[in-house]
Every structure is written in C-alpha cells, then in structure tokens.
Amino acid sequence: MRRLMVTTFLTLDGVMQAPGGPGEDDSGGFTFGGWSVNYWDERMREFMTKTMSVPFDLLLGRTTYDIFVTYWPDAPEEAGSKPLNDATKFVASRGRPTLDWKESVLIEGDAAEGVAALKRTDGPELQVHGSGNLIQTLMANDLVDEYRLWVFPVVLGSGKRLFADGAIPSGLKLVDSTVSSTGVVIGTYEPVGEIVTGSF
C-alpha cells in the first residue's frame, strides 16, 4: 500500500493559487501570482531536498503537469530536477492530453477510483505538488495520508483555497514542524479521523 503525500504552499488565509509566478493561474481574475517567491531561504530548500531525496512517484493534476513540463525537463542542472524527471508522473485529467514528459502516465476514468487503485499497488510514495482541483478530489475521498503544509506569512483575501467551502470536517495531528528564517511555517500533518468536540 502506497502512502500519498500532499505538499502545498499556502497563505495565512489558506490560498494556494499561483504561488510560483504571474500567469501560473490567473483564473478568477487572480493578480497575486508569485506570492511565495520572495520568502525562500536555505532551510526551505533543505526541506524540499529532503522531501525529494526518498523514492517517489508524482501524482499531478493536468494544470500542474503543464506548468512542470514547461520547466523541469529543460533544467537538468537545477536542484530537484533529476528526481522530478526520473519519477513516474501519474496525471489526472478529464481529457486525453498528450503527455510528452518521460515516464508520464494518464490516470484514465474517475480520478478518485484511479488513485485508490494506484495506492493499492507496490511502489514508492506518491507525492502531490500543487494540483488544487486534484487535492480537493483526494480529500473528498479520504485518500491523503500526509499533508506537508507550507504556510507563508501573507494574506491575499481571494484565490483558490486548499480547505475551501465544502471541505470534509476532519482532525489532523501535527507530526513535524519547522520555521524558516522568513517566517514560513512548514507543518507535517496526518489525518486522525472525525472532529471531537467538547465544551469549556
């Protein structure tokens, strides 16, 4: 059984849209593309290197795949390039895209069913980066084993959110954390089931 890890950059108000640059995703009139770029430091790079130093396959939505494929295959000297290029890329898409990046495989049919079947196979962990629409599907079908949430000290007020309206209520357990010199809090969480309420 494979474990499925979600790595996501978030603002303090939960926005995950277009952290990497203008034009990455300007749907809905979003104008803050690239909001994460100026916060990066050595501790964050070390954490990302550690994330990608274990055997893994990628699980990506179509939009994130299209963003990645325009950069990583042509950046062999960039840190992180080799593991990304060597990984099998499983792509969830409602269409039938041409997947030119080596080791790319289309998940056919229903994405949740396809990912559930993929998790039951032998292989390395599955890492999801970005892929907001896909993550919503994974959360709705209880397919996420671990969240690695990078929370940046910025508030945007609008944009696509990780835990949007309609998110399934669930508890999480913090299993690891670190803070960058720029104030980015990286928390690793595991789902622990239903919310337990109480009263003071």
N, C-alpha and C. Protein backbone atom coordinates (compact mmCIF):
# COMPACT_ATOMS: atom_id res chain seq x y z
N MET A 1 0.86 -1.20 0.00
CA MET A 1 0.00 0.00 0.00
C MET A 1 0.89 1.24 0.00
N ARG A 2 0.71 2.08 -0.99
CA ARG A 2 1.50 3.31 -1.06
C ARG A 2 0.89 4.40 -0.19
N ARG A 3 1.76 5.25 0.38
CA ARG A 3 1.30 6.43 1.08
C ARG A 3 1.24 7.61 0.12
N LEU A 4 0.25 8.47 0.32
CA LEU A 4 0.05 9.63 -0.55
C LEU A 4 0.30 10.89 0.25
N MET A 5 1.28 11.68 -0.20
CA MET A 5 1.70 12.89 0.50
C MET A 5 1.33 14.13 -0.33
N VAL A 6 0.66 15.08 0.29
CA VAL A 6 0.31 16.34 -0.35
C VAL A 6 1.25 17.42 0.16
N THR A 7 1.98 18.07 -0.74
CA THR A 7 2.82 19.22 -0.38
C THR A 7 2.22 20.46 -1.03
N THR A 8 1.89 21.45 -0.20
CA THR A 8 1.17 22.62 -0.71
C THR A 8 1.68 23.89 -0.03
N PHE A 9 1.85 24.94 -0.83
CA PHE A 9 2.17 26.27 -0.32
C PHE A 9 0.86 27.01 -0.08
N LEU A 10 0.74 27.62 1.11
CA LEU A 10 -0.49 28.32 1.48
C LEU A 10 -0.19 29.69 2.05
N THR A 11 -1.11 30.62 1.85
CA THR A 11 -1.07 31.88 2.57
C THR A 11 -1.72 31.67 3.94
N LEU A 12 -1.61 32.66 4.82
CA LEU A 12 -2.25 32.55 6.13
C LEU A 12 -3.76 32.39 6.02
N ASP A 13 -4.37 32.92 4.95
CA ASP A 13 -5.80 32.74 4.78
C ASP A 13 -6.12 31.57 3.85
N GLY A 14 -5.17 30.66 3.69
CA GLY A 14 -5.45 29.38 3.04
C GLY A 14 -5.40 29.34 1.54
N VAL A 15 -4.95 30.43 0.88
CA VAL A 15 -4.91 30.46 -0.58
C VAL A 15 -3.70 29.67 -1.09
N MET A 16 -3.93 28.83 -2.09
CA MET A 16 -2.85 28.04 -2.68
C MET A 16 -2.65 28.36 -4.16
N GLN A 17 -3.37 29.32 -4.68
CA GLN A 17 -3.36 29.61 -6.11
C GLN A 17 -2.08 30.34 -6.53
N ALA A 18 -1.44 29.83 -7.57
CA ALA A 18 -0.33 30.50 -8.26
C ALA A 18 0.78 31.01 -7.35
N PRO A 19 1.37 30.15 -6.52
CA PRO A 19 2.46 30.64 -5.67
C PRO A 19 3.75 30.92 -6.43
N GLY A 20 3.92 30.32 -7.62
CA GLY A 20 5.21 30.34 -8.28
C GLY A 20 5.48 31.46 -9.26
N GLY A 21 4.44 32.20 -9.67
CA GLY A 21 4.71 33.27 -10.62
C GLY A 21 3.47 33.82 -11.29
N PRO A 22 3.53 35.06 -11.79
CA PRO A 22 2.42 35.63 -12.54
C PRO A 22 2.11 34.78 -13.75
N GLY A 23 0.82 34.62 -14.03
CA GLY A 23 0.41 33.83 -15.20
C GLY A 23 0.34 32.34 -14.93
N GLU A 24 0.80 31.89 -13.76
CA GLU A 24 0.73 30.46 -13.43
C GLU A 24 -0.72 30.00 -13.38
N ASP A 25 -1.58 30.80 -12.77
CA ASP A 25 -3.02 30.54 -12.73
C ASP A 25 -3.71 31.84 -12.38
N ASP A 26 -4.19 32.56 -13.41
CA ASP A 26 -4.85 33.83 -13.15
C ASP A 26 -6.36 33.72 -13.28
N SER A 27 -6.89 32.49 -13.18
CA SER A 27 -8.33 32.30 -13.27
C SER A 27 -9.01 33.04 -12.13
N GLY A 28 -10.24 33.50 -12.40
CA GLY A 28 -10.98 34.27 -11.42
C GLY A 28 -10.44 35.67 -11.22
N GLY A 29 -9.59 36.13 -12.15
CA GLY A 29 -9.01 37.46 -12.04
C GLY A 29 -7.92 37.56 -10.99
N PHE A 30 -7.30 36.42 -10.63
CA PHE A 30 -6.27 36.41 -9.60
C PHE A 30 -5.04 37.19 -10.07
N THR A 31 -4.57 38.13 -9.25
CA THR A 31 -3.48 39.03 -9.67
C THR A 31 -2.23 38.93 -8.80
N PHE A 32 -2.17 37.95 -7.91
CA PHE A 32 -1.05 37.86 -6.97
C PHE A 32 -0.11 36.69 -7.27
N GLY A 33 -0.09 36.22 -8.51
CA GLY A 33 0.78 35.11 -8.87
C GLY A 33 2.23 35.39 -8.51
N GLY A 34 2.87 34.41 -7.83
CA GLY A 34 4.25 34.57 -7.41
C GLY A 34 4.41 35.03 -5.97
N TRP A 35 3.33 34.92 -5.18
CA TRP A 35 3.35 35.45 -3.82
C TRP A 35 4.34 34.73 -2.89
N SER A 36 4.78 33.52 -3.25
CA SER A 36 5.68 32.78 -2.35
C SER A 36 7.17 33.03 -2.62
N VAL A 37 7.48 33.59 -3.77
CA VAL A 37 8.86 33.56 -4.28
C VAL A 37 9.86 34.25 -3.36
N ASN A 38 9.52 35.39 -2.82
CA ASN A 38 10.50 36.18 -2.06
C ASN A 38 10.71 35.71 -0.63
N TYR A 39 10.06 34.62 -0.23
CA TYR A 39 10.21 34.11 1.12
C TYR A 39 11.20 32.95 1.22
N TRP A 40 11.72 32.47 0.12
CA TRP A 40 12.55 31.26 0.15
C TRP A 40 13.90 31.51 0.82
N ASP A 41 14.30 30.54 1.65
CA ASP A 41 15.61 30.59 2.28
C ASP A 41 16.25 29.20 2.26
N GLU A 42 17.41 29.08 2.86
CA GLU A 42 18.15 27.82 2.80
C GLU A 42 17.44 26.70 3.53
N ARG A 43 16.78 26.99 4.64
CA ARG A 43 16.06 25.97 5.39
C ARG A 43 14.93 25.36 4.55
N MET A 44 14.23 26.20 3.79
CA MET A 44 13.16 25.71 2.93
C MET A 44 13.72 24.84 1.81
N ARG A 45 14.85 25.26 1.25
CA ARG A 45 15.48 24.45 0.19
C ARG A 45 15.92 23.10 0.74
N GLU A 46 16.45 23.09 1.95
CA GLU A 46 16.87 21.84 2.57
C GLU A 46 15.68 20.91 2.79
N PHE A 47 14.56 21.48 3.23
CA PHE A 47 13.37 20.67 3.48
C PHE A 47 12.87 20.06 2.17
N MET A 48 12.85 20.86 1.11
CA MET A 48 12.39 20.35 -0.18
C MET A 48 13.34 19.29 -0.72
N THR A 49 14.64 19.49 -0.52
CA THR A 49 15.61 18.48 -0.95
C THR A 49 15.39 17.18 -0.20
N LYS A 50 15.12 17.26 1.10
CA LYS A 50 14.84 16.07 1.89
C LYS A 50 13.58 15.37 1.39
N THR A 51 12.55 16.15 1.05
CA THR A 51 11.30 15.58 0.54
C THR A 51 11.55 14.77 -0.72
N MET A 52 12.46 15.27 -1.55
CA MET A 52 12.69 14.63 -2.85
C MET A 52 13.89 13.68 -2.83
N SER A 53 14.44 13.41 -1.65
CA SER A 53 15.58 12.51 -1.57
C SER A 53 15.16 11.06 -1.36
N VAL A 54 13.87 10.84 -1.11
CA VAL A 54 13.36 9.47 -0.96
C VAL A 54 12.76 9.04 -2.29
N PRO A 55 12.65 7.74 -2.55
CA PRO A 55 11.99 7.29 -3.78
C PRO A 55 10.53 7.76 -3.80
N PHE A 56 10.09 8.31 -4.92
CA PHE A 56 8.70 8.76 -5.02
C PHE A 56 8.25 8.76 -6.47
N ASP A 57 6.95 8.68 -6.65
CA ASP A 57 6.31 8.97 -7.92
C ASP A 57 5.47 10.23 -7.72
N LEU A 58 5.23 10.94 -8.81
CA LEU A 58 4.43 12.16 -8.76
C LEU A 58 2.98 11.85 -9.14
N LEU A 59 2.06 12.50 -8.46
CA LEU A 59 0.65 12.47 -8.82
C LEU A 59 0.24 13.91 -9.03
N LEU A 60 -0.14 14.25 -10.24
CA LEU A 60 -0.37 15.65 -10.61
C LEU A 60 -1.71 15.83 -11.32
N GLY A 61 -2.31 17.00 -11.10
CA GLY A 61 -3.42 17.41 -11.93
C GLY A 61 -2.89 17.93 -13.26
N ARG A 62 -3.77 18.06 -14.22
CA ARG A 62 -3.35 18.45 -15.57
C ARG A 62 -2.68 19.82 -15.60
N THR A 63 -3.23 20.80 -14.88
CA THR A 63 -2.67 22.15 -14.92
C THR A 63 -1.25 22.17 -14.34
N THR A 64 -1.06 21.51 -13.19
CA THR A 64 0.28 21.48 -12.59
C THR A 64 1.25 20.72 -13.48
N TYR A 65 0.79 19.65 -14.09
CA TYR A 65 1.64 18.92 -15.03
C TYR A 65 2.11 19.86 -16.15
N ASP A 66 1.18 20.63 -16.70
CA ASP A 66 1.53 21.55 -17.80
C ASP A 66 2.54 22.61 -17.35
N ILE A 67 2.42 23.06 -16.09
CA ILE A 67 3.39 24.03 -15.56
C ILE A 67 4.76 23.38 -15.40
N PHE A 68 4.78 22.20 -14.81
CA PHE A 68 6.05 21.50 -14.58
C PHE A 68 6.76 21.16 -15.88
N VAL A 69 5.99 20.70 -16.88
CA VAL A 69 6.62 20.20 -18.11
C VAL A 69 7.25 21.32 -18.93
N THR A 70 6.84 22.55 -18.70
CA THR A 70 7.46 23.66 -19.43
C THR A 70 8.79 24.07 -18.83
N TYR A 71 9.13 23.52 -17.65
CA TYR A 71 10.37 23.93 -16.99
C TYR A 71 11.34 22.79 -16.71
N TRP A 72 10.86 21.77 -15.95
CA TRP A 72 11.79 20.79 -15.40
C TRP A 72 12.53 19.92 -16.43
N PRO A 73 11.94 19.49 -17.52
CA PRO A 73 12.71 18.69 -18.47
C PRO A 73 13.89 19.44 -19.08
N ASP A 74 13.82 20.78 -19.09
CA ASP A 74 14.87 21.59 -19.71
C ASP A 74 15.77 22.27 -18.68
N ALA A 75 15.70 21.81 -17.42
CA ALA A 75 16.53 22.41 -16.36
C ALA A 75 17.31 21.31 -15.63
N PRO A 76 18.16 20.57 -16.36
CA PRO A 76 18.84 19.42 -15.75
C PRO A 76 19.79 19.79 -14.62
N GLU A 77 20.29 21.01 -14.59
CA GLU A 77 21.24 21.40 -13.55
C GLU A 77 20.55 21.97 -12.30
N GLU A 78 19.26 22.22 -12.39
CA GLU A 78 18.52 22.81 -11.28
C GLU A 78 18.36 21.78 -10.16
N ALA A 79 18.48 22.24 -8.91
CA ALA A 79 18.26 21.34 -7.77
C ALA A 79 16.85 20.77 -7.85
N GLY A 80 16.73 19.48 -7.67
CA GLY A 80 15.42 18.83 -7.72
C GLY A 80 15.04 18.33 -9.08
N SER A 81 15.80 18.69 -10.11
CA SER A 81 15.44 18.31 -11.47
C SER A 81 15.50 16.81 -11.70
N LYS A 82 16.58 16.18 -11.26
CA LYS A 82 16.75 14.75 -11.54
C LYS A 82 15.64 13.90 -10.93
N PRO A 83 15.33 14.06 -9.61
CA PRO A 83 14.25 13.22 -9.08
C PRO A 83 12.91 13.47 -9.75
N LEU A 84 12.62 14.72 -10.12
CA LEU A 84 11.35 15.00 -10.80
C LEU A 84 11.32 14.38 -12.19
N ASN A 85 12.42 14.48 -12.91
CA ASN A 85 12.46 13.93 -14.25
C ASN A 85 12.47 12.41 -14.25
N ASP A 86 13.08 11.81 -13.21
CA ASP A 86 13.16 10.35 -13.14
C ASP A 86 11.88 9.71 -12.62
N ALA A 87 11.09 10.45 -11.85
CA ALA A 87 9.88 9.89 -11.25
C ALA A 87 8.85 9.56 -12.32
N THR A 88 8.04 8.54 -12.04
CA THR A 88 6.85 8.31 -12.86
C THR A 88 5.84 9.39 -12.52
N LYS A 89 5.28 10.02 -13.56
CA LYS A 89 4.31 11.09 -13.36
C LYS A 89 2.91 10.55 -13.70
N PHE A 90 2.07 10.37 -12.69
CA PHE A 90 0.68 9.96 -12.90
C PHE A 90 -0.16 11.22 -12.99
N VAL A 91 -0.90 11.37 -14.08
CA VAL A 91 -1.60 12.62 -14.36
C VAL A 91 -3.10 12.38 -14.40
N ALA A 92 -3.83 13.12 -13.56
CA ALA A 92 -5.29 13.06 -13.57
C ALA A 92 -5.81 14.17 -14.47
N SER A 93 -6.60 13.80 -15.46
CA SER A 93 -7.14 14.78 -16.40
C SER A 93 -8.49 14.31 -16.91
N ARG A 94 -9.40 15.28 -17.09
CA ARG A 94 -10.71 14.93 -17.64
C ARG A 94 -10.63 14.69 -19.15
N GLY A 95 -9.56 15.19 -19.78
CA GLY A 95 -9.38 15.00 -21.21
C GLY A 95 -8.39 13.88 -21.50
N ARG A 96 -7.89 13.86 -22.72
CA ARG A 96 -6.89 12.88 -23.12
C ARG A 96 -5.67 13.62 -23.66
N PRO A 97 -4.91 14.25 -22.76
CA PRO A 97 -3.77 15.07 -23.19
C PRO A 97 -2.63 14.22 -23.72
N THR A 98 -1.80 14.84 -24.54
CA THR A 98 -0.56 14.21 -24.95
C THR A 98 0.46 14.48 -23.85
N LEU A 99 1.00 13.43 -23.29
CA LEU A 99 1.93 13.55 -22.16
C LEU A 99 3.34 13.27 -22.66
N ASP A 100 4.08 14.34 -22.96
CA ASP A 100 5.39 14.20 -23.59
C ASP A 100 6.54 14.04 -22.60
N TRP A 101 6.33 14.42 -21.36
CA TRP A 101 7.40 14.29 -20.36
C TRP A 101 7.63 12.81 -20.10
N LYS A 102 8.88 12.39 -20.10
CA LYS A 102 9.17 10.96 -19.96
C LYS A 102 8.58 10.40 -18.67
N GLU A 103 8.19 9.13 -18.72
CA GLU A 103 7.61 8.42 -17.57
C GLU A 103 6.29 9.05 -17.12
N SER A 104 5.50 9.57 -18.07
CA SER A 104 4.20 10.13 -17.74
C SER A 104 3.09 9.15 -18.11
N VAL A 105 2.13 8.98 -17.18
CA VAL A 105 1.05 8.01 -17.35
C VAL A 105 -0.27 8.70 -17.04
N LEU A 106 -1.25 8.57 -17.93
CA LEU A 106 -2.57 9.16 -17.71
C LEU A 106 -3.40 8.23 -16.81
N ILE A 107 -4.02 8.82 -15.79
CA ILE A 107 -4.99 8.08 -14.98
C ILE A 107 -6.32 8.15 -15.71
N GLU A 108 -6.78 7.05 -16.22
CA GLU A 108 -7.99 7.03 -17.04
C GLU A 108 -9.23 6.87 -16.16
N GLY A 109 -10.34 7.41 -16.62
CA GLY A 109 -11.59 7.27 -15.90
C GLY A 109 -11.67 8.17 -14.69
N ASP A 110 -12.42 7.74 -13.69
CA ASP A 110 -12.63 8.52 -12.47
C ASP A 110 -11.32 8.67 -11.70
N ALA A 111 -10.97 9.91 -11.38
CA ALA A 111 -9.67 10.17 -10.73
C ALA A 111 -9.57 9.51 -9.37
N ALA A 112 -10.63 9.61 -8.56
CA ALA A 112 -10.59 9.02 -7.21
C ALA A 112 -10.41 7.51 -7.29
N GLU A 113 -11.14 6.87 -8.17
CA GLU A 113 -11.01 5.42 -8.31
C GLU A 113 -9.63 5.05 -8.82
N GLY A 114 -9.11 5.83 -9.75
CA GLY A 114 -7.78 5.56 -10.30
C GLY A 114 -6.69 5.71 -9.26
N VAL A 115 -6.80 6.76 -8.42
CA VAL A 115 -5.79 6.97 -7.39
C VAL A 115 -5.91 5.91 -6.30
N ALA A 116 -7.12 5.55 -5.93
CA ALA A 116 -7.30 4.50 -4.93
C ALA A 116 -6.67 3.19 -5.41
N ALA A 117 -6.85 2.87 -6.69
CA ALA A 117 -6.25 1.66 -7.25
C ALA A 117 -4.73 1.78 -7.27
N LEU A 118 -4.23 2.97 -7.59
CA LEU A 118 -2.79 3.20 -7.63
C LEU A 118 -2.17 3.03 -6.25
N LYS A 119 -2.86 3.50 -5.21
CA LYS A 119 -2.36 3.36 -3.85
C LYS A 119 -2.24 1.89 -3.43
N ARG A 120 -3.06 1.04 -4.02
CA ARG A 120 -3.03 -0.38 -3.66
C ARG A 120 -1.89 -1.14 -4.34
N THR A 121 -1.17 -0.50 -5.24
CA THR A 121 -0.07 -1.16 -5.94
C THR A 121 1.22 -1.03 -5.13
N ASP A 122 2.20 -1.84 -5.51
CA ASP A 122 3.53 -1.71 -4.91
C ASP A 122 4.27 -0.56 -5.58
N GLY A 123 5.07 0.14 -4.81
CA GLY A 123 5.84 1.24 -5.38
C GLY A 123 6.18 2.25 -4.32
N PRO A 124 6.91 3.30 -4.71
CA PRO A 124 7.29 4.34 -3.74
C PRO A 124 6.11 5.23 -3.38
N GLU A 125 6.34 6.12 -2.42
CA GLU A 125 5.28 7.04 -2.02
C GLU A 125 4.84 7.90 -3.20
N LEU A 126 3.61 8.36 -3.13
CA LEU A 126 3.05 9.25 -4.15
C LEU A 126 3.06 10.67 -3.60
N GLN A 127 3.72 11.57 -4.32
CA GLN A 127 3.79 12.97 -3.90
C GLN A 127 2.93 13.83 -4.81
N VAL A 128 2.08 14.64 -4.19
CA VAL A 128 1.25 15.60 -4.91
C VAL A 128 1.80 16.98 -4.62
N HIS A 129 2.10 17.74 -5.66
CA HIS A 129 2.55 19.12 -5.51
C HIS A 129 1.57 20.00 -6.29
N GLY A 130 1.16 21.13 -5.67
CA GLY A 130 0.18 21.97 -6.35
C GLY A 130 -1.11 21.18 -6.57
N SER A 131 -1.64 21.24 -7.79
CA SER A 131 -2.77 20.38 -8.20
C SER A 131 -3.99 20.57 -7.32
N GLY A 132 -4.43 21.82 -7.18
CA GLY A 132 -5.53 22.15 -6.27
C GLY A 132 -6.81 21.37 -6.52
N ASN A 133 -7.26 21.27 -7.77
CA ASN A 133 -8.50 20.55 -8.05
C ASN A 133 -8.37 19.08 -7.71
N LEU A 134 -7.22 18.50 -8.03
CA LEU A 134 -7.00 17.10 -7.72
C LEU A 134 -7.00 16.88 -6.20
N ILE A 135 -6.36 17.77 -5.45
CA ILE A 135 -6.32 17.62 -4.00
C ILE A 135 -7.73 17.64 -3.41
N GLN A 136 -8.61 18.49 -3.95
CA GLN A 136 -9.99 18.52 -3.46
C GLN A 136 -10.64 17.14 -3.63
N THR A 137 -10.39 16.50 -4.76
CA THR A 137 -10.93 15.16 -5.02
C THR A 137 -10.33 14.15 -4.06
N LEU A 138 -9.02 14.23 -3.83
CA LEU A 138 -8.35 13.30 -2.93
C LEU A 138 -8.88 13.43 -1.51
N MET A 139 -9.07 14.68 -1.05
CA MET A 139 -9.58 14.90 0.31
C MET A 139 -11.01 14.39 0.45
N ALA A 140 -11.82 14.64 -0.57
CA ALA A 140 -13.23 14.23 -0.51
C ALA A 140 -13.37 12.72 -0.45
N ASN A 141 -12.35 12.00 -0.93
CA ASN A 141 -12.40 10.54 -0.95
C ASN A 141 -11.44 9.89 0.05
N ASP A 142 -10.97 10.69 1.02
CA ASP A 142 -10.14 10.19 2.11
C ASP A 142 -8.91 9.43 1.60
N LEU A 143 -8.20 10.02 0.65
CA LEU A 143 -7.06 9.35 0.03
C LEU A 143 -5.71 9.94 0.45
N VAL A 144 -5.72 11.01 1.26
CA VAL A 144 -4.48 11.67 1.66
C VAL A 144 -3.97 11.07 2.98
N ASP A 145 -2.72 10.63 2.99
CA ASP A 145 -2.11 10.06 4.19
C ASP A 145 -1.31 11.09 4.98
N GLU A 146 -0.82 12.13 4.30
CA GLU A 146 0.00 13.13 5.00
C GLU A 146 -0.06 14.45 4.25
N TYR A 147 -0.17 15.53 5.01
CA TYR A 147 -0.13 16.88 4.45
C TYR A 147 1.17 17.54 4.89
N ARG A 148 1.89 18.13 3.93
CA ARG A 148 3.06 18.95 4.25
C ARG A 148 2.69 20.38 3.83
N LEU A 149 2.25 21.15 4.80
CA LEU A 149 1.68 22.47 4.53
C LEU A 149 2.71 23.55 4.84
N TRP A 150 3.05 24.31 3.82
CA TRP A 150 3.99 25.43 3.96
C TRP A 150 3.15 26.71 4.05
N VAL A 151 3.06 27.28 5.24
CA VAL A 151 2.20 28.44 5.45
C VAL A 151 3.06 29.70 5.47
N PHE A 152 2.83 30.56 4.47
CA PHE A 152 3.61 31.78 4.28
C PHE A 152 2.94 32.95 5.00
N PRO A 153 3.72 33.87 5.56
CA PRO A 153 3.15 34.99 6.31
C PRO A 153 2.64 36.09 5.39
N VAL A 154 1.59 35.77 4.66
CA VAL A 154 0.97 36.73 3.75
C VAL A 154 -0.52 36.42 3.67
N VAL A 155 -1.33 37.45 3.55
CA VAL A 155 -2.78 37.33 3.41
C VAL A 155 -3.18 37.95 2.08
N LEU A 156 -3.96 37.21 1.29
CA LEU A 156 -4.35 37.70 -0.04
C LEU A 156 -5.82 38.08 -0.13
N GLY A 157 -6.67 37.45 0.66
CA GLY A 157 -8.08 37.82 0.65
C GLY A 157 -8.92 37.18 -0.43
N SER A 158 -8.28 36.64 -1.46
CA SER A 158 -9.03 35.96 -2.52
C SER A 158 -8.12 34.93 -3.18
N GLY A 159 -8.72 34.03 -3.89
CA GLY A 159 -7.97 32.99 -4.58
C GLY A 159 -8.44 31.60 -4.18
N LYS A 160 -7.97 30.60 -4.89
CA LYS A 160 -8.36 29.21 -4.61
C LYS A 160 -7.73 28.75 -3.29
N ARG A 161 -8.56 28.17 -2.45
CA ARG A 161 -8.11 27.74 -1.12
C ARG A 161 -8.00 26.22 -1.05
N LEU A 162 -7.05 25.76 -0.23
CA LEU A 162 -6.90 24.32 -0.03
C LEU A 162 -8.14 23.75 0.65
N PHE A 163 -8.47 24.30 1.81
CA PHE A 163 -9.66 23.83 2.53
C PHE A 163 -10.79 24.82 2.25
N ALA A 164 -11.42 24.63 1.12
CA ALA A 164 -12.46 25.55 0.68
C ALA A 164 -13.80 25.15 1.28
N ASP A 165 -14.84 25.95 1.00
CA ASP A 165 -16.19 25.60 1.45
C ASP A 165 -16.51 24.20 0.95
N GLY A 166 -17.07 23.39 1.84
CA GLY A 166 -17.41 22.03 1.45
C GLY A 166 -16.36 21.01 1.83
N ALA A 167 -15.21 21.46 2.38
CA ALA A 167 -14.19 20.51 2.83
C ALA A 167 -14.79 19.61 3.90
N ILE A 168 -14.41 18.34 3.89
CA ILE A 168 -14.93 17.39 4.86
C ILE A 168 -14.29 17.65 6.22
N PRO A 169 -15.08 17.87 7.26
CA PRO A 169 -14.50 18.09 8.59
C PRO A 169 -13.67 16.88 9.03
N SER A 170 -12.46 17.13 9.50
CA SER A 170 -11.61 16.04 9.96
C SER A 170 -10.51 16.60 10.86
N GLY A 171 -10.02 15.76 11.76
CA GLY A 171 -8.94 16.16 12.63
C GLY A 171 -7.60 15.83 12.01
N LEU A 172 -6.58 16.61 12.38
CA LEU A 172 -5.23 16.37 11.91
C LEU A 172 -4.28 16.34 13.11
N LYS A 173 -3.21 15.57 12.98
CA LYS A 173 -2.20 15.50 14.03
C LYS A 173 -0.88 16.04 13.49
N LEU A 174 -0.29 17.02 14.19
CA LEU A 174 1.00 17.56 13.79
C LEU A 174 2.10 16.56 14.16
N VAL A 175 2.87 16.11 13.17
CA VAL A 175 3.92 15.12 13.43
C VAL A 175 5.32 15.69 13.23
N ASP A 176 5.41 16.88 12.63
CA ASP A 176 6.72 17.52 12.46
C ASP A 176 6.49 18.98 12.11
N SER A 177 7.45 19.84 12.47
CA SER A 177 7.32 21.24 12.09
C SER A 177 8.69 21.90 12.07
N THR A 178 8.80 22.93 11.25
CA THR A 178 10.00 23.76 11.22
C THR A 178 9.58 25.14 10.74
N VAL A 179 10.41 26.14 11.04
CA VAL A 179 10.11 27.51 10.65
C VAL A 179 11.32 28.09 9.92
N SER A 180 11.08 28.71 8.78
CA SER A 180 12.17 29.31 8.02
C SER A 180 12.56 30.65 8.63
N SER A 181 13.68 31.18 8.17
CA SER A 181 14.13 32.49 8.65
C SER A 181 13.21 33.61 8.19
N THR A 182 12.38 33.34 7.21
CA THR A 182 11.45 34.34 6.69
C THR A 182 10.05 34.18 7.25
N GLY A 183 9.88 33.26 8.21
CA GLY A 183 8.59 33.11 8.87
C GLY A 183 7.65 32.12 8.24
N VAL A 184 8.13 31.31 7.31
CA VAL A 184 7.29 30.27 6.72
C VAL A 184 7.26 29.07 7.66
N VAL A 185 6.06 28.67 8.06
CA VAL A 185 5.88 27.54 8.97
C VAL A 185 5.57 26.30 8.13
N ILE A 186 6.43 25.29 8.23
CA ILE A 186 6.22 24.05 7.49
C ILE A 186 5.77 23.00 8.49
N GLY A 187 4.50 22.62 8.39
CA GLY A 187 3.93 21.63 9.29
C GLY A 187 3.59 20.36 8.54
N THR A 188 3.91 19.22 9.13
CA THR A 188 3.56 17.93 8.56
C THR A 188 2.45 17.33 9.41
N TYR A 189 1.34 17.01 8.79
CA TYR A 189 0.15 16.57 9.49
C TYR A 189 -0.34 15.23 8.94
N GLU A 190 -0.91 14.43 9.83
CA GLU A 190 -1.57 13.19 9.42
C GLU A 190 -3.05 13.26 9.82
N PRO A 191 -3.95 12.79 8.95
CA PRO A 191 -5.37 12.75 9.33
C PRO A 191 -5.60 11.79 10.48
N VAL A 192 -6.47 12.16 11.41
CA VAL A 192 -6.77 11.30 12.55
C VAL A 192 -8.26 11.03 12.71
N GLY A 193 -9.04 11.34 11.68
CA GLY A 193 -10.46 10.97 11.73
C GLY A 193 -11.37 12.12 12.07
N GLU A 194 -12.50 11.78 12.64
CA GLU A 194 -13.57 12.75 12.88
C GLU A 194 -13.18 13.78 13.93
N ILE A 195 -13.83 14.95 13.84
CA ILE A 195 -13.67 16.01 14.81
C ILE A 195 -14.26 15.57 16.15
N VAL A 196 -13.52 15.79 17.22
CA VAL A 196 -14.04 15.53 18.57
C VAL A 196 -14.34 16.87 19.22
N THR A 197 -15.57 17.11 19.52
CA THR A 197 -15.97 18.40 20.10
C THR A 197 -16.08 18.28 21.63
N GLY A 198 -16.17 19.42 22.28
CA GLY A 198 -16.30 19.44 23.73
C GLY A 198 -16.83 20.78 24.17
N SER A 199 -16.72 21.08 25.45
CA SER A 199 -17.22 22.35 25.97
C SER A 199 -16.37 22.76 27.15
N PHE A 200 -16.12 24.06 27.27
CA PHE A 200 -15.38 24.58 28.43
C PHE A 200 -16.41 24.95 29.50
